[in-house]
Amino acid sequence: MTDIKVPTLGESVTEATVGKWFKKPGDAVAVDEPLVELETDKVTLEVPAPAAGVLGDIAAKDGDTVGVGAILGTIKDGAAGAKAAPAAAPAKPAAAPAPAAPAATPAPASGATNTAQAPSVRKLAAESGVDPSNVAGTGLKNQVTKGDMLAAIEKAASAPTPVAAPVQMRAPSAPDDASREERVRMTKLRQTIARRLKDAQNTAAMLTTFNEVDMTTVMAMRNQYKELFEKKHGVKLGFMGFFVKACIAALKDIPAVNAEIDGTDLVYKNYYHIGIAVGTDKGLVVPVVRDADMLSLAGVEKKINDFGKRARDGQLKIDEMQGGTFTITNGGIYGSLMSTPILNAPQSGILGMHKIQERPMAIGGKIEVRPMMYLALSYDHRIVDGREAVTFLVRVKENLEDPARLVLDL
């Protein structure tokens, strides 16, 4: 018998919610076949079968919260072979191994109880909220016993309780209104988005500065080379690649925007991992283009295109959304003309792109219609001074209005 366990979920991720099981108890499963979907506060991932056999008991049902290493269920070894034997051989030879299967079943089952959670342990875990997977077991084969759980609960009760943020509750609706409302439990991802954004507001001294950029040159360059670019590189030439390159050049000039606070230290990062915010049906995710300064424009566009597709399909890996040093978000694709983006903690800066809109501009003493975009830089004023923030945004503007500066490293 093989246990199906919650895999390591990544840095800072300690628990997940069981989304749905793809198999039912008694169903045959193959090695690496997806068995159950887990939803973490970052991504949704599938847990593959660690062995071939038949799905046994399911320990964690849909909607349950489980910790890393917790047992989700079991796979009965050899049962799949017993089922498959009649199809491959006559019924008479198949009769020989049949008695062996029941005889072999009790032994693994008794062994499995040594590693699986006992009913008394599960009951205490449900009542107390203490995760048995985090408790050192003293039983046979390191099994967590009832005594281990009671000791862990007593220790947790004696520890100082952190002050939790108040949970927002609403007043009851009028009966006529309540009958027309739909109540849906927040997903793990949406709960984490809400918590992280509020934490960013509570922690950082957040401020936003604005500017606008004339997109004439970038648009002309894109129109001139988009067909040749796509033919050679196999990806469309968008605007995001230009913005990534423009921001990296500005980050090199103003390193405070690429830094973060660690206690009483400032950590200046001499690498450029750029997060690109992507909207999905389940919420906003921010995959990271690592070492974006080392990539060509085509390399950046390929990465962003790949991230966008996999984000919408829920196929992003956890490590692909960690370690960002600066974030870019584009509300313009939804029609936003101007906004104040919230910091992606612990980063100290985030650039907001917006809708390109033709506006009359004074150019050389004459009024001309130009495609303009408002830019917004939200920054942590604890690290970044106003002068640095404004200078950073001006650098981005200059790099986009004259892309030759990026080529010439000016």
Protein backbone atom coordinates (compact mmCIF):
# COMPACT_ATOMS: atom_id res chain seq x y z
CA MET A 1 0.00 0.00 0.00
CA THR A 2 1.34 3.42 -0.95
CA ASP A 3 0.39 6.72 0.68
CA ILE A 4 -0.59 9.71 -1.46
CA LYS A 5 0.97 12.71 0.26
CA VAL A 6 0.80 16.46 -0.18
CA PRO A 7 4.02 17.42 -2.02
CA THR A 8 6.29 20.30 -1.10
CA LEU A 9 4.34 23.34 -2.21
CA GLY A 10 7.16 25.86 -2.48
CA GLU A 11 8.67 28.69 -0.52
CA SER A 12 6.35 30.13 2.18
CA VAL A 13 3.47 27.82 1.15
CA THR A 14 2.54 25.46 3.99
CA GLU A 15 -1.00 24.33 3.22
CA ALA A 16 -3.43 23.72 0.39
CA THR A 17 -7.12 23.10 -0.14
CA VAL A 18 -8.32 19.91 -1.81
CA GLY A 19 -10.09 21.00 -4.99
CA LYS A 20 -11.40 17.76 -6.46
CA TRP A 21 -10.50 14.11 -6.89
CA PHE A 22 -10.24 12.79 -10.43
CA LYS A 23 -10.69 9.18 -9.28
CA LYS A 24 -13.02 7.34 -6.91
CA PRO A 25 -12.07 4.62 -4.40
CA GLY A 26 -11.74 1.34 -6.28
CA ASP A 27 -10.67 2.95 -9.57
CA ALA A 28 -7.49 1.65 -11.18
CA VAL A 29 -4.68 4.20 -11.46
CA ALA A 30 -1.41 4.30 -13.35
CA VAL A 31 1.90 5.75 -12.21
CA ASP A 32 2.02 9.56 -12.57
CA GLU A 33 -1.68 9.72 -13.48
CA PRO A 34 -3.28 12.88 -11.99
CA LEU A 35 -5.29 11.89 -8.92
CA VAL A 36 -6.31 15.03 -7.07
CA GLU A 37 -6.21 18.78 -7.57
CA LEU A 38 -4.82 20.99 -4.80
CA GLU A 39 -5.40 24.73 -4.61
CA THR A 40 -2.72 26.78 -2.85
CA ASP A 41 -2.58 30.50 -2.24
CA LYS A 42 -0.47 30.83 -5.39
CA VAL A 43 -1.45 28.19 -7.94
CA THR A 44 -3.57 25.13 -8.56
CA LEU A 45 -1.58 21.93 -9.00
CA GLU A 46 -2.30 18.27 -9.64
CA VAL A 47 -0.89 15.47 -7.48
CA PRO A 48 0.14 12.45 -9.58
CA ALA A 49 -0.15 8.84 -8.48
CA PRO A 50 3.09 7.72 -6.81
CA ALA A 51 2.45 4.10 -7.84
CA ALA A 52 0.16 1.94 -9.95
CA GLY A 53 -2.73 0.08 -8.34
CA VAL A 54 -6.23 0.82 -7.13
CA LEU A 55 -7.26 3.96 -5.26
CA GLY A 56 -8.05 3.00 -1.67
CA ASP A 57 -9.39 5.18 1.12
CA ILE A 58 -9.52 8.95 0.60
CA ALA A 59 -8.35 10.72 3.76
CA ALA A 60 -8.81 14.32 2.58
CA LYS A 61 -12.08 15.16 0.90
CA ASP A 62 -12.99 18.06 -1.39
CA GLY A 63 -12.68 21.35 0.47
CA ASP A 64 -10.40 20.02 3.23
CA THR A 65 -7.29 22.03 4.15
CA VAL A 66 -4.13 19.94 4.27
CA GLY A 67 -0.52 20.64 5.21
CA VAL A 68 2.67 19.65 3.42
CA GLY A 69 3.31 15.93 3.89
CA ALA A 70 -0.26 15.16 4.97
CA ILE A 71 -1.77 11.93 3.65
CA LEU A 72 -4.45 12.47 1.03
CA GLY A 73 -5.28 8.81 0.48
CA THR A 74 -3.78 5.45 -0.35
CA ILE A 75 -3.12 3.25 -3.37
CA LYS A 76 -3.48 -0.48 -2.90
CA ASP A 77 -0.53 -2.26 -4.45
CA GLY A 78 -1.13 -5.31 -6.61
CA ALA A 79 -4.89 -4.82 -6.81
CA ALA A 80 -4.59 -3.37 -10.29
CA GLY A 81 -2.56 -6.40 -11.35
CA ALA A 82 -5.25 -8.74 -10.02
CA LYS A 83 -7.87 -6.90 -12.04
CA ALA A 84 -5.76 -6.90 -15.15
CA ALA A 85 -4.82 -10.61 -14.95
CA PRO A 86 -8.11 -12.04 -16.24
CA ALA A 87 -7.88 -9.91 -19.37
CA ALA A 88 -4.41 -11.19 -20.17
CA ALA A 89 -4.85 -14.86 -19.21
CA PRO A 90 -7.61 -17.51 -18.99
CA ALA A 91 -9.86 -17.50 -15.95
CA LYS A 92 -8.36 -20.73 -14.59
CA PRO A 93 -4.76 -19.48 -14.22
CA ALA A 94 -6.11 -16.24 -12.80
CA ALA A 95 -7.72 -18.12 -9.95
CA ALA A 96 -4.34 -18.91 -8.40
CA PRO A 97 -3.28 -15.36 -7.51
CA ALA A 98 -6.81 -14.42 -6.43
CA PRO A 99 -6.56 -15.87 -2.89
CA ALA A 100 -3.14 -14.26 -2.50
CA ALA A 101 -4.58 -10.77 -2.85
CA PRO A 102 -6.85 -10.90 0.22
CA ALA A 103 -4.12 -12.68 2.16
CA ALA A 104 -1.66 -9.92 1.32
CA THR A 105 -4.10 -7.13 2.05
CA PRO A 106 -4.18 -7.23 5.88
CA ALA A 107 -0.39 -6.98 6.25
CA PRO A 108 0.04 -3.72 4.33
CA ALA A 109 -3.13 -2.38 5.92
CA SER A 110 -1.76 -2.87 9.42
CA GLY A 111 1.52 -1.33 8.33
CA ALA A 112 -0.31 1.60 6.78
CA THR A 113 -1.95 2.47 10.09
CA ASN A 114 1.51 3.04 11.49
CA THR A 115 2.09 5.95 9.10
CA ALA A 116 -1.47 7.14 8.49
CA GLN A 117 -3.23 9.27 11.06
CA ALA A 118 -5.24 7.33 13.61
CA PRO A 119 -8.93 8.33 14.06
CA SER A 120 -8.22 9.77 17.51
CA VAL A 121 -5.41 11.88 16.07
CA ARG A 122 -7.60 13.15 13.24
CA LYS A 123 -10.34 14.05 15.71
CA LEU A 124 -7.91 16.03 17.88
CA ALA A 125 -6.48 17.74 14.79
CA ALA A 126 -9.95 18.80 13.64
CA GLU A 127 -10.89 20.10 17.09
CA SER A 128 -7.65 21.92 17.86
CA GLY A 129 -6.35 23.01 14.46
CA VAL A 130 -2.93 21.46 15.19
CA ASP A 131 -1.51 19.82 12.05
CA PRO A 132 -0.32 16.24 12.87
CA SER A 133 2.23 16.43 10.04
CA ASN A 134 4.07 19.05 12.10
CA VAL A 135 4.10 16.89 15.27
CA ALA A 136 7.01 14.56 16.05
CA GLY A 137 5.62 11.03 16.40
CA THR A 138 6.78 8.63 19.12
CA GLY A 139 4.77 5.61 18.00
CA LEU A 140 5.80 2.67 15.86
CA LYS A 141 7.43 3.87 12.62
CA ASN A 142 7.24 7.45 13.96
CA GLN A 143 3.44 7.35 14.03
CA VAL A 144 1.82 10.36 15.75
CA THR A 145 -0.06 9.06 18.78
CA LYS A 146 -2.93 10.56 20.75
CA GLY A 147 -0.43 11.44 23.51
CA ASP A 148 1.80 13.26 20.99
CA MET A 149 -1.18 15.31 19.84
CA LEU A 150 -2.28 16.17 23.39
CA ALA A 151 1.25 17.35 24.20
CA ALA A 152 1.39 19.45 21.02
CA ILE A 153 -2.01 20.99 21.75
CA GLU A 154 -0.94 21.87 25.31
CA LYS A 155 2.25 23.46 23.97
CA ALA A 156 0.32 25.47 21.38
CA ALA A 157 -2.15 26.64 24.03
CA SER A 158 0.65 27.91 26.27
CA ALA A 159 2.33 29.82 23.43
CA PRO A 160 1.44 33.51 23.00
CA THR A 161 -1.38 33.97 20.55
CA PRO A 162 -0.65 36.41 17.71
CA VAL A 163 -3.20 39.13 17.17
CA ALA A 164 -5.01 38.27 13.98
CA ALA A 165 -6.48 40.81 11.61
CA PRO A 166 -10.21 41.21 12.17
CA VAL A 167 -12.39 39.27 9.75
CA GLN A 168 -14.74 41.55 7.89
CA MET A 169 -18.35 40.54 8.50
CA ARG A 170 -21.39 42.13 6.92
CA ALA A 171 -24.76 42.92 8.42
CA PRO A 172 -27.53 40.44 7.51
CA SER A 173 -29.45 41.29 4.37
CA ALA A 174 -33.16 41.88 4.35
CA PRO A 175 -35.08 38.63 3.70
CA ASP A 176 -36.17 39.76 0.24
CA ASP A 177 -32.57 40.59 -0.71
CA ALA A 178 -31.06 37.48 0.91
CA SER A 179 -33.15 35.20 -1.29
CA ARG A 180 -31.57 36.79 -4.36
CA GLU A 181 -27.97 36.60 -3.15
CA GLU A 182 -25.43 33.91 -3.92
CA ARG A 183 -22.80 33.05 -1.31
CA VAL A 184 -19.57 31.51 -2.63
CA ARG A 185 -16.58 30.54 -0.48
CA MET A 186 -13.46 32.53 -1.37
CA THR A 187 -10.79 30.43 -3.02
CA LYS A 188 -7.41 30.05 -1.35
CA LEU A 189 -5.90 32.23 -4.08
CA ARG A 190 -8.46 35.02 -3.61
CA GLN A 191 -8.03 34.95 0.19
CA THR A 192 -4.28 35.30 -0.19
CA ILE A 193 -4.61 38.11 -2.73
CA ALA A 194 -6.85 39.98 -0.29
CA ARG A 195 -4.48 39.40 2.63
CA ARG A 196 -1.29 40.29 0.76
CA LEU A 197 -2.70 43.48 -0.74
CA LYS A 198 -3.97 44.67 2.64
CA ASP A 199 -0.65 43.75 4.26
CA ALA A 200 1.14 45.84 1.64
CA GLN A 201 -1.05 48.84 2.49
CA ASN A 202 -0.53 48.36 6.21
CA THR A 203 3.25 47.86 6.01
CA ALA A 204 4.66 50.05 3.24
CA ALA A 205 4.60 53.84 3.10
CA MET A 206 3.01 53.63 -0.33
CA LEU A 207 2.87 56.58 -2.68
CA THR A 208 2.19 56.91 -6.41
CA THR A 209 3.72 59.27 -8.95
CA PHE A 210 2.44 59.76 -12.51
CA ASN A 211 3.76 60.68 -15.91
CA GLU A 212 2.72 60.15 -19.51
CA VAL A 213 4.55 58.71 -22.48
CA ASP A 214 4.18 59.41 -26.19
CA MET A 215 3.93 55.97 -27.81
CA THR A 216 4.42 57.23 -31.38
CA THR A 217 7.93 55.86 -31.89
CA VAL A 218 7.33 52.49 -30.24
CA MET A 219 4.11 51.99 -32.20
CA ALA A 220 5.81 52.92 -35.48
CA MET A 221 8.68 50.52 -34.77
CA ARG A 222 6.23 47.76 -33.87
CA ASN A 223 4.19 48.28 -37.03
CA GLN A 224 7.32 48.31 -39.18
CA TYR A 225 8.86 45.11 -37.82
CA LYS A 226 6.01 43.04 -36.34
CA GLU A 227 5.65 40.69 -39.33
CA LEU A 228 9.41 40.14 -39.69
CA PHE A 229 9.73 39.75 -35.91
CA GLU A 230 7.00 37.11 -35.71
CA LYS A 231 8.38 35.25 -38.75
CA LYS A 232 11.87 35.05 -37.25
CA HIS A 233 11.10 34.51 -33.57
CA GLY A 234 7.72 32.76 -33.67
CA VAL A 235 6.09 35.22 -31.28
CA LYS A 236 4.21 38.48 -31.75
CA LEU A 237 5.96 41.75 -30.99
CA GLY A 238 3.99 43.42 -28.21
CA PHE A 239 4.53 46.48 -26.06
CA MET A 240 5.42 44.62 -22.86
CA GLY A 241 8.90 43.72 -24.07
CA PHE A 242 9.71 47.41 -24.60
CA PHE A 243 8.41 48.27 -21.13
CA VAL A 244 10.44 45.50 -19.49
CA LYS A 245 13.63 46.72 -21.17
CA ALA A 246 12.83 50.37 -20.36
CA CYS A 247 12.23 49.53 -16.69
CA ILE A 248 15.44 47.51 -16.39
CA ALA A 249 17.46 50.43 -17.74
CA ALA A 250 15.74 52.72 -15.21
CA LEU A 251 16.29 50.24 -12.35
CA LYS A 252 20.01 50.24 -13.09
CA ASP A 253 20.00 54.04 -12.77
CA ILE A 254 17.81 54.07 -9.63
CA PRO A 255 18.71 50.90 -7.67
CA ALA A 256 16.49 51.82 -4.69
CA VAL A 257 13.42 50.87 -6.76
CA ASN A 258 14.91 47.37 -7.11
CA ALA A 259 15.57 47.00 -3.37
CA GLU A 260 13.63 45.79 -0.37
CA ILE A 261 13.67 46.17 3.42
CA ASP A 262 14.86 43.28 5.59
CA GLY A 263 14.53 44.28 9.23
CA THR A 264 16.83 47.28 9.63
CA ASP A 265 18.74 46.53 6.41
CA LEU A 266 18.20 47.60 2.84
CA VAL A 267 18.83 44.80 0.33
CA TYR A 268 19.93 46.12 -3.06
CA LYS A 269 19.49 43.47 -5.73
CA ASN A 270 21.98 43.42 -8.57
CA TYR A 271 19.73 41.23 -10.69
CA TYR A 272 16.46 41.95 -12.45
CA HIS A 273 13.62 39.47 -12.04
CA ILE A 274 10.60 41.25 -13.49
CA GLY A 275 7.12 40.15 -12.44
CA ILE A 276 4.37 40.47 -15.05
CA ALA A 277 0.85 40.61 -13.60
CA VAL A 278 -1.57 38.31 -15.46
CA GLY A 279 -5.31 38.26 -14.87
CA THR A 280 -7.04 34.86 -14.77
CA ASP A 281 -10.53 33.61 -13.95
CA LYS A 282 -9.33 32.67 -10.46
CA GLY A 283 -7.51 35.93 -9.74
CA LEU A 284 -4.31 37.82 -10.40
CA VAL A 285 -1.01 35.92 -10.61
CA VAL A 286 2.46 37.37 -11.14
CA PRO A 287 4.90 35.07 -12.98
CA VAL A 288 8.49 36.28 -12.96
CA VAL A 289 10.80 36.74 -15.95
CA ARG A 290 14.09 35.89 -14.26
CA ASP A 291 17.28 37.70 -15.30
CA ALA A 292 15.26 39.68 -17.82
CA ASP A 293 18.27 41.91 -18.44
CA MET A 294 20.07 38.90 -19.95
CA LEU A 295 17.26 38.19 -22.43
CA SER A 296 16.75 39.74 -25.84
CA LEU A 297 13.50 41.53 -26.65
CA ALA A 298 12.34 38.34 -28.37
CA GLY A 299 13.32 36.28 -25.33
CA VAL A 300 11.25 38.52 -23.05
CA GLU A 301 8.23 38.35 -25.38
CA LYS A 302 8.47 34.54 -25.56
CA LYS A 303 8.57 34.27 -21.78
CA ILE A 304 5.61 36.59 -21.31
CA ASN A 305 3.59 34.81 -24.01
CA ASP A 306 4.29 31.41 -22.43
CA PHE A 307 3.44 32.67 -18.93
CA GLY A 308 0.18 34.21 -20.14
CA LYS A 309 -1.03 30.98 -21.74
CA ARG A 310 -0.09 28.77 -18.80
CA ALA A 311 -1.48 31.22 -16.23
CA ARG A 312 -4.91 31.09 -17.85
CA ASP A 313 -4.73 27.27 -17.94
CA GLY A 314 -3.61 27.09 -14.30
CA GLN A 315 -0.34 25.44 -15.29
CA LEU A 316 2.16 27.84 -13.72
CA LYS A 317 4.66 26.37 -11.26
CA ILE A 318 5.12 27.90 -7.85
CA ASP A 319 8.80 28.69 -8.35
CA GLU A 320 7.86 30.68 -11.47
CA MET A 321 6.04 33.19 -9.28
CA GLN A 322 8.71 33.76 -6.66
CA GLY A 323 11.74 35.99 -6.32
CA GLY A 324 10.55 38.99 -8.34
CA THR A 325 12.35 42.30 -7.74
CA PHE A 326 9.99 44.65 -9.62
CA THR A 327 6.51 44.26 -11.10
CA ILE A 328 4.71 45.60 -14.17
CA THR A 329 0.92 45.51 -14.45
CA ASN A 330 -1.10 46.49 -17.51
CA GLY A 331 -4.60 47.73 -16.76
CA GLY A 332 -4.76 49.18 -20.26
CA ILE A 333 -5.81 45.85 -21.76
CA TYR A 334 -9.06 46.23 -19.81
CA GLY A 335 -9.50 49.87 -20.79
CA SER A 336 -8.08 51.55 -17.68
CA LEU A 337 -6.97 55.12 -18.35
CA MET A 338 -5.29 55.70 -14.97
CA SER A 339 -4.90 53.80 -11.70
CA THR A 340 -2.70 53.51 -8.60
CA PRO A 341 -1.32 49.94 -8.48
CA ILE A 342 -0.63 48.32 -5.09
CA LEU A 343 2.88 47.14 -4.30
CA ASN A 344 3.70 43.46 -4.70
CA ALA A 345 5.37 43.05 -1.28
CA PRO A 346 8.21 42.97 -0.38
CA GLN A 347 9.12 44.82 -3.58
CA SER A 348 9.49 48.57 -3.40
CA GLY A 349 8.11 49.48 -6.83
CA ILE A 350 5.39 48.56 -9.34
CA LEU A 351 4.73 50.19 -12.71
CA GLY A 352 1.18 50.56 -13.96
CA MET A 353 0.61 50.70 -17.73
CA HIS A 354 -2.65 52.03 -19.10
CA LYS A 355 -4.74 52.46 -22.21
CA ILE A 356 -3.15 54.16 -25.23
CA GLN A 357 -5.40 57.05 -26.14
CA GLU A 358 -5.01 59.71 -28.82
CA ARG A 359 -4.84 63.18 -27.29
CA PRO A 360 -3.95 66.66 -28.60
CA MET A 361 -0.40 67.54 -27.53
CA ALA A 362 1.69 70.68 -27.94
CA ILE A 363 4.67 69.61 -30.08
CA GLY A 364 7.15 72.32 -31.10
CA GLY A 365 4.58 75.03 -30.66
CA LYS A 366 1.93 73.17 -32.67
CA ILE A 367 -1.00 71.00 -31.66
CA GLU A 368 -0.64 67.40 -32.81
CA VAL A 369 -2.68 64.31 -32.06
CA ARG A 370 -0.45 61.71 -30.41
CA PRO A 371 -1.04 58.24 -28.95
CA MET A 372 -0.46 58.83 -25.25
CA MET A 373 -0.32 56.51 -22.25
CA TYR A 374 -0.42 57.46 -18.58
CA LEU A 375 2.20 55.73 -16.43
CA ALA A 376 1.91 55.22 -12.68
CA LEU A 377 4.72 54.20 -10.35
CA SER A 378 3.66 53.13 -6.87
CA TYR A 379 6.65 52.94 -4.55
CA ASP A 380 7.60 52.37 -0.93
CA HIS A 381 8.56 55.77 0.44
CA ARG A 382 10.51 54.08 3.24
CA ILE A 383 13.11 53.10 0.63
CA VAL A 384 12.52 55.30 -2.39
CA ASP A 385 12.60 59.09 -2.11
CA GLY A 386 10.28 61.23 -4.22
CA ARG A 387 13.19 62.45 -6.31
CA GLU A 388 14.23 58.88 -7.10
CA ALA A 389 10.68 57.83 -7.96
CA VAL A 390 10.13 60.75 -10.33
CA THR A 391 13.55 60.24 -11.91
CA PHE A 392 12.82 56.55 -12.42
CA LEU A 393 9.54 57.27 -14.21
CA VAL A 394 11.18 59.95 -16.37
CA ARG A 395 13.85 57.40 -17.38
CA VAL A 396 11.14 54.94 -18.41
CA LYS A 397 9.40 57.66 -20.41
CA GLU A 398 12.62 58.67 -22.17
CA ASN A 399 13.51 55.09 -23.03
CA LEU A 400 10.10 54.46 -24.58
CA GLU A 401 9.90 57.73 -26.51
CA ASP A 402 13.41 57.15 -27.90
CA PRO A 403 14.06 53.35 -27.93
CA ALA A 404 17.50 53.96 -29.46
CA ARG A 405 18.59 54.87 -25.92
CA LEU A 406 18.09 51.22 -24.94
CA VAL A 407 20.30 50.04 -27.80
CA LEU A 408 22.99 52.62 -27.06
CA ASP A 409 22.76 52.12 -23.27
CA LEU A 410 22.10 55.82 -22.64
